[in-house]
Amino acid sequence: MAAWLFTLAANAATDHLRRRGREVPPPETFDAPDPHQPSPWESVDQSRRIQALRGALEDLTPRQRAMVLAYYVQEHPVKRIAQDLGCAEGTVKATLFQSLQKLRKTLGPQP
C-alpha cells in the first residue's frame, strides 16, 4: 500500500510540474524594453538633428548667432540682449526673426 501511495504522489507531483512548466510567466517577468527610454534609433536621429542644428547655427553671422543663443538658449529677454549688444530692441526682434527664417531654410521641414 505504501508503494502505491508513493507512486500516486510522485505522479501527481510530476503532473503538477509539467503543467507549471507550460504556463506563461506573468508579463512583469519578461525583459521588455522600458517605454520611457528612447530607442537606439531615436538616439541616432536626435544626434543627427543636433549636428544639423549646430551646422545651421554656424551658417549664421556671429551677431545673429549671439542673439539666437542669448534668447533661445540662455532665455534672456529682448531688452537685455539689446542692452548687451548696444542696439535697439526692434533690431534684436528683426534679427531674431531673420535668423529663424534662415535656420528653417537651412534645416528644411522637420518631422
N, C-alpha and C. Protein backbone atom coordinates (compact mmCIF):
# COMPACT_ATOMS: atom_id res chain seq x y z
N MET A 1 0.82 -1.18 0.00
CA MET A 1 0.00 0.00 0.00
C MET A 1 0.86 1.25 0.00
N ALA A 2 1.97 1.28 0.72
CA ALA A 2 2.84 2.44 0.79
C ALA A 2 3.45 2.73 -0.58
N ALA A 3 3.81 1.68 -1.29
CA ALA A 3 4.40 1.87 -2.61
C ALA A 3 3.38 2.48 -3.57
N TRP A 4 2.13 2.04 -3.46
CA TRP A 4 1.08 2.58 -4.32
C TRP A 4 0.84 4.07 -4.02
N LEU A 5 0.78 4.47 -2.75
CA LEU A 5 0.61 5.87 -2.37
C LEU A 5 1.80 6.71 -2.82
N PHE A 6 2.99 6.15 -2.68
CA PHE A 6 4.18 6.87 -3.12
C PHE A 6 4.12 7.10 -4.63
N THR A 7 3.67 6.11 -5.40
CA THR A 7 3.57 6.25 -6.85
C THR A 7 2.54 7.31 -7.21
N LEU A 8 1.38 7.31 -6.51
CA LEU A 8 0.37 8.34 -6.78
C LEU A 8 0.89 9.73 -6.49
N ALA A 9 1.57 9.88 -5.39
CA ALA A 9 2.13 11.19 -5.03
C ALA A 9 3.18 11.63 -6.03
N ALA A 10 4.04 10.71 -6.45
CA ALA A 10 5.08 11.04 -7.43
C ALA A 10 4.46 11.45 -8.75
N ASN A 11 3.43 10.74 -9.20
CA ASN A 11 2.76 11.08 -10.47
C ASN A 11 2.05 12.43 -10.37
N ALA A 12 1.42 12.70 -9.22
CA ALA A 12 0.74 13.98 -9.04
C ALA A 12 1.75 15.12 -9.06
N ALA A 13 2.88 14.92 -8.41
CA ALA A 13 3.92 15.95 -8.41
C ALA A 13 4.47 16.16 -9.81
N THR A 14 4.69 15.11 -10.56
CA THR A 14 5.20 15.20 -11.93
C THR A 14 4.21 15.95 -12.81
N ASP A 15 2.90 15.60 -12.69
CA ASP A 15 1.87 16.29 -13.48
C ASP A 15 1.83 17.79 -13.15
N HIS A 16 1.92 18.09 -11.87
CA HIS A 16 1.90 19.49 -11.44
C HIS A 16 3.09 20.26 -12.03
N LEU A 17 4.29 19.69 -11.97
CA LEU A 17 5.47 20.36 -12.52
C LEU A 17 5.38 20.52 -14.03
N ARG A 18 4.81 19.53 -14.72
CA ARG A 18 4.66 19.65 -16.17
C ARG A 18 3.70 20.78 -16.53
N ARG A 19 2.56 20.87 -15.81
CA ARG A 19 1.59 21.93 -16.07
C ARG A 19 2.19 23.30 -15.78
N ARG A 20 2.91 23.39 -14.70
CA ARG A 20 3.52 24.67 -14.33
C ARG A 20 4.57 25.10 -15.35
N GLY A 21 5.27 24.16 -15.94
CA GLY A 21 6.27 24.47 -16.95
C GLY A 21 5.65 25.02 -18.22
N ARG A 22 4.40 24.70 -18.52
CA ARG A 22 3.72 25.18 -19.72
C ARG A 22 3.06 26.54 -19.51
N GLU A 23 2.91 26.94 -18.27
CA GLU A 23 2.26 28.21 -18.00
C GLU A 23 3.14 29.37 -18.47
N VAL A 24 2.48 30.41 -18.95
CA VAL A 24 3.20 31.60 -19.39
C VAL A 24 3.51 32.44 -18.16
N PRO A 25 4.74 32.86 -18.02
CA PRO A 25 5.07 33.69 -16.85
C PRO A 25 4.34 35.03 -16.92
N PRO A 26 4.10 35.64 -15.78
CA PRO A 26 3.41 36.94 -15.79
C PRO A 26 4.22 37.98 -16.56
N PRO A 27 3.53 38.98 -17.16
CA PRO A 27 4.21 39.95 -18.01
C PRO A 27 5.36 40.70 -17.34
N GLU A 28 5.30 40.91 -16.04
CA GLU A 28 6.36 41.69 -15.40
C GLU A 28 7.69 40.93 -15.36
N THR A 29 7.68 39.62 -15.68
CA THR A 29 8.94 38.88 -15.68
C THR A 29 9.60 38.91 -17.05
N PHE A 30 8.90 39.38 -18.09
CA PHE A 30 9.50 39.47 -19.42
C PHE A 30 10.54 40.58 -19.44
N ASP A 31 11.52 40.46 -20.28
CA ASP A 31 12.53 41.51 -20.44
C ASP A 31 12.08 42.48 -21.52
N ALA A 32 11.02 43.18 -21.26
CA ALA A 32 10.50 44.16 -22.22
C ALA A 32 11.29 45.45 -22.08
N PRO A 33 11.50 46.16 -23.21
CA PRO A 33 12.22 47.43 -23.12
C PRO A 33 11.39 48.46 -22.35
N ASP A 34 12.09 49.35 -21.70
CA ASP A 34 11.44 50.41 -20.93
C ASP A 34 10.81 51.40 -21.91
N PRO A 35 9.50 51.62 -21.83
CA PRO A 35 8.86 52.52 -22.80
C PRO A 35 9.28 53.98 -22.62
N HIS A 36 9.88 54.31 -21.49
CA HIS A 36 10.30 55.69 -21.26
C HIS A 36 11.72 55.96 -21.77
N GLN A 37 12.44 54.92 -22.11
CA GLN A 37 13.80 55.08 -22.64
C GLN A 37 13.72 55.22 -24.16
N PRO A 38 14.47 56.14 -24.75
CA PRO A 38 14.46 56.24 -26.21
C PRO A 38 15.11 55.01 -26.83
N SER A 39 14.59 54.64 -27.98
CA SER A 39 15.16 53.50 -28.68
C SER A 39 16.52 53.92 -29.26
N PRO A 40 17.34 52.97 -29.63
CA PRO A 40 18.64 53.33 -30.24
C PRO A 40 18.47 54.18 -31.49
N TRP A 41 17.42 53.91 -32.26
CA TRP A 41 17.20 54.68 -33.49
C TRP A 41 16.81 56.11 -33.16
N GLU A 42 16.05 56.32 -32.10
CA GLU A 42 15.70 57.67 -31.70
C GLU A 42 16.94 58.44 -31.24
N SER A 43 17.85 57.75 -30.57
CA SER A 43 19.09 58.41 -30.14
C SER A 43 19.93 58.82 -31.34
N VAL A 44 20.02 57.96 -32.34
CA VAL A 44 20.77 58.29 -33.56
C VAL A 44 20.12 59.46 -34.27
N ASP A 45 18.78 59.43 -34.37
CA ASP A 45 18.05 60.51 -35.03
C ASP A 45 18.26 61.83 -34.30
N GLN A 46 18.21 61.80 -32.97
CA GLN A 46 18.41 63.01 -32.18
C GLN A 46 19.83 63.54 -32.37
N SER A 47 20.82 62.65 -32.43
CA SER A 47 22.20 63.08 -32.65
C SER A 47 22.35 63.77 -34.00
N ARG A 48 21.68 63.22 -35.01
CA ARG A 48 21.74 63.84 -36.34
C ARG A 48 21.09 65.22 -36.35
N ARG A 49 19.96 65.35 -35.64
CA ARG A 49 19.30 66.65 -35.57
C ARG A 49 20.18 67.67 -34.87
N ILE A 50 20.83 67.26 -33.80
CA ILE A 50 21.71 68.19 -33.07
C ILE A 50 22.87 68.63 -33.96
N GLN A 51 23.45 67.68 -34.68
CA GLN A 51 24.55 68.03 -35.58
C GLN A 51 24.08 68.99 -36.68
N ALA A 52 22.88 68.74 -37.21
CA ALA A 52 22.33 69.62 -38.25
C ALA A 52 22.09 71.02 -37.68
N LEU A 53 21.58 71.09 -36.47
CA LEU A 53 21.34 72.39 -35.84
C LEU A 53 22.65 73.14 -35.59
N ARG A 54 23.67 72.42 -35.14
CA ARG A 54 24.97 73.06 -34.93
C ARG A 54 25.52 73.62 -36.24
N GLY A 55 25.38 72.83 -37.30
CA GLY A 55 25.84 73.30 -38.61
C GLY A 55 25.07 74.52 -39.08
N ALA A 56 23.76 74.50 -38.85
CA ALA A 56 22.92 75.64 -39.26
C ALA A 56 23.27 76.88 -38.44
N LEU A 57 23.56 76.71 -37.16
CA LEU A 57 23.97 77.85 -36.34
C LEU A 57 25.30 78.43 -36.81
N GLU A 58 26.18 77.59 -37.30
CA GLU A 58 27.47 78.07 -37.82
C GLU A 58 27.29 78.90 -39.08
N ASP A 59 26.18 78.67 -39.81
CA ASP A 59 25.92 79.45 -41.03
C ASP A 59 25.42 80.86 -40.72
N LEU A 60 24.99 81.10 -39.48
CA LEU A 60 24.54 82.44 -39.11
C LEU A 60 25.74 83.35 -38.90
N THR A 61 25.49 84.64 -38.99
CA THR A 61 26.55 85.59 -38.69
C THR A 61 26.81 85.54 -37.18
N PRO A 62 27.98 85.99 -36.74
CA PRO A 62 28.25 85.97 -35.29
C PRO A 62 27.20 86.75 -34.48
N ARG A 63 26.73 87.87 -35.02
CA ARG A 63 25.72 88.67 -34.31
C ARG A 63 24.39 87.91 -34.22
N GLN A 64 23.98 87.30 -35.35
CA GLN A 64 22.75 86.51 -35.34
C GLN A 64 22.86 85.34 -34.36
N ARG A 65 23.98 84.66 -34.41
CA ARG A 65 24.19 83.51 -33.53
C ARG A 65 24.14 83.93 -32.06
N ALA A 66 24.77 85.06 -31.75
CA ALA A 66 24.77 85.56 -30.37
C ALA A 66 23.35 85.86 -29.90
N MET A 67 22.56 86.47 -30.76
CA MET A 67 21.19 86.80 -30.38
C MET A 67 20.33 85.55 -30.22
N VAL A 68 20.46 84.62 -31.13
CA VAL A 68 19.67 83.38 -31.06
C VAL A 68 20.02 82.61 -29.79
N LEU A 69 21.29 82.46 -29.51
CA LEU A 69 21.70 81.72 -28.32
C LEU A 69 21.28 82.44 -27.03
N ALA A 70 21.41 83.76 -27.02
CA ALA A 70 21.02 84.52 -25.83
C ALA A 70 19.51 84.42 -25.58
N TYR A 71 18.73 84.48 -26.65
CA TYR A 71 17.27 84.48 -26.49
C TYR A 71 16.71 83.07 -26.25
N TYR A 72 17.13 82.10 -27.07
CA TYR A 72 16.50 80.78 -27.01
C TYR A 72 17.21 79.80 -26.06
N VAL A 73 18.50 79.94 -25.88
CA VAL A 73 19.23 79.01 -25.02
C VAL A 73 19.36 79.58 -23.60
N GLN A 74 19.87 80.80 -23.52
CA GLN A 74 20.06 81.42 -22.21
C GLN A 74 18.79 82.09 -21.68
N GLU A 75 17.78 82.20 -22.54
CA GLU A 75 16.47 82.75 -22.18
C GLU A 75 16.53 84.18 -21.64
N HIS A 76 17.39 85.00 -22.25
CA HIS A 76 17.47 86.41 -21.88
C HIS A 76 16.33 87.15 -22.58
N PRO A 77 15.77 88.16 -21.93
CA PRO A 77 14.73 88.97 -22.59
C PRO A 77 15.34 89.85 -23.67
N VAL A 78 14.49 90.27 -24.60
CA VAL A 78 14.94 91.10 -25.72
C VAL A 78 15.61 92.37 -25.22
N LYS A 79 15.05 92.96 -24.19
CA LYS A 79 15.60 94.22 -23.66
C LYS A 79 17.04 94.04 -23.19
N ARG A 80 17.32 92.95 -22.51
CA ARG A 80 18.68 92.71 -22.01
C ARG A 80 19.65 92.45 -23.18
N ILE A 81 19.19 91.70 -24.18
CA ILE A 81 20.04 91.44 -25.35
C ILE A 81 20.37 92.75 -26.04
N ALA A 82 19.39 93.61 -26.18
CA ALA A 82 19.61 94.92 -26.81
C ALA A 82 20.63 95.73 -26.02
N GLN A 83 20.51 95.72 -24.71
CA GLN A 83 21.46 96.46 -23.88
C GLN A 83 22.86 95.86 -23.99
N ASP A 84 22.96 94.53 -23.95
CA ASP A 84 24.27 93.87 -24.02
C ASP A 84 24.97 94.13 -25.34
N LEU A 85 24.19 94.16 -26.43
CA LEU A 85 24.79 94.33 -27.75
C LEU A 85 24.78 95.78 -28.22
N GLY A 86 24.19 96.65 -27.44
CA GLY A 86 24.19 98.07 -27.79
C GLY A 86 23.37 98.40 -29.01
N CYS A 87 22.17 97.86 -29.09
CA CYS A 87 21.30 98.15 -30.23
C CYS A 87 19.86 98.30 -29.72
N ALA A 88 18.96 98.63 -30.64
CA ALA A 88 17.55 98.82 -30.27
C ALA A 88 16.85 97.47 -30.13
N GLU A 89 15.77 97.46 -29.34
CA GLU A 89 15.01 96.22 -29.16
C GLU A 89 14.41 95.75 -30.48
N GLY A 90 13.99 96.70 -31.31
CA GLY A 90 13.44 96.35 -32.62
C GLY A 90 14.47 95.64 -33.50
N THR A 91 15.72 96.06 -33.37
CA THR A 91 16.80 95.41 -34.13
C THR A 91 16.97 93.96 -33.68
N VAL A 92 16.89 93.73 -32.38
CA VAL A 92 17.01 92.36 -31.86
C VAL A 92 15.87 91.50 -32.37
N LYS A 93 14.64 92.04 -32.31
CA LYS A 93 13.47 91.28 -32.77
C LYS A 93 13.58 90.96 -34.26
N ALA A 94 13.98 91.94 -35.06
CA ALA A 94 14.11 91.73 -36.50
C ALA A 94 15.22 90.72 -36.80
N THR A 95 16.33 90.83 -36.09
CA THR A 95 17.44 89.89 -36.30
C THR A 95 17.05 88.48 -35.90
N LEU A 96 16.33 88.33 -34.80
CA LEU A 96 15.85 87.01 -34.39
C LEU A 96 14.92 86.41 -35.44
N PHE A 97 14.02 87.24 -35.97
CA PHE A 97 13.10 86.77 -37.00
C PHE A 97 13.86 86.31 -38.24
N GLN A 98 14.80 87.12 -38.70
CA GLN A 98 15.60 86.77 -39.88
C GLN A 98 16.43 85.52 -39.63
N SER A 99 16.98 85.40 -38.43
CA SER A 99 17.80 84.24 -38.08
C SER A 99 16.97 82.96 -38.09
N LEU A 100 15.76 83.03 -37.54
CA LEU A 100 14.90 81.84 -37.53
C LEU A 100 14.50 81.43 -38.94
N GLN A 101 14.23 82.42 -39.78
CA GLN A 101 13.91 82.08 -41.17
C GLN A 101 15.09 81.40 -41.86
N LYS A 102 16.28 81.91 -41.61
CA LYS A 102 17.48 81.31 -42.19
C LYS A 102 17.69 79.89 -41.67
N LEU A 103 17.46 79.68 -40.36
CA LEU A 103 17.61 78.35 -39.78
C LEU A 103 16.58 77.39 -40.36
N ARG A 104 15.34 77.85 -40.50
CA ARG A 104 14.30 76.99 -41.10
C ARG A 104 14.65 76.60 -42.52
N LYS A 105 15.17 77.55 -43.27
CA LYS A 105 15.55 77.28 -44.66
C LYS A 105 16.69 76.28 -44.73
N THR A 106 17.66 76.46 -43.85
CA THR A 106 18.83 75.58 -43.83
C THR A 106 18.46 74.16 -43.37
N LEU A 107 17.64 74.06 -42.33
CA LEU A 107 17.29 72.75 -41.78
C LEU A 107 16.21 72.03 -42.57
N GLY A 108 15.38 72.77 -43.26
CA GLY A 108 14.29 72.17 -44.01
C GLY A 108 13.16 71.73 -43.10
N PRO A 109 12.14 71.08 -43.67
CA PRO A 109 11.00 70.67 -42.85
C PRO A 109 11.40 69.61 -41.84
N GLN A 110 10.87 69.76 -40.63
CA GLN A 110 11.17 68.82 -39.55
C GLN A 110 9.94 67.95 -39.28
N PRO A 111 10.16 66.65 -39.01
CA PRO A 111 9.02 65.76 -38.74
C PRO A 111 8.36 66.06 -37.42
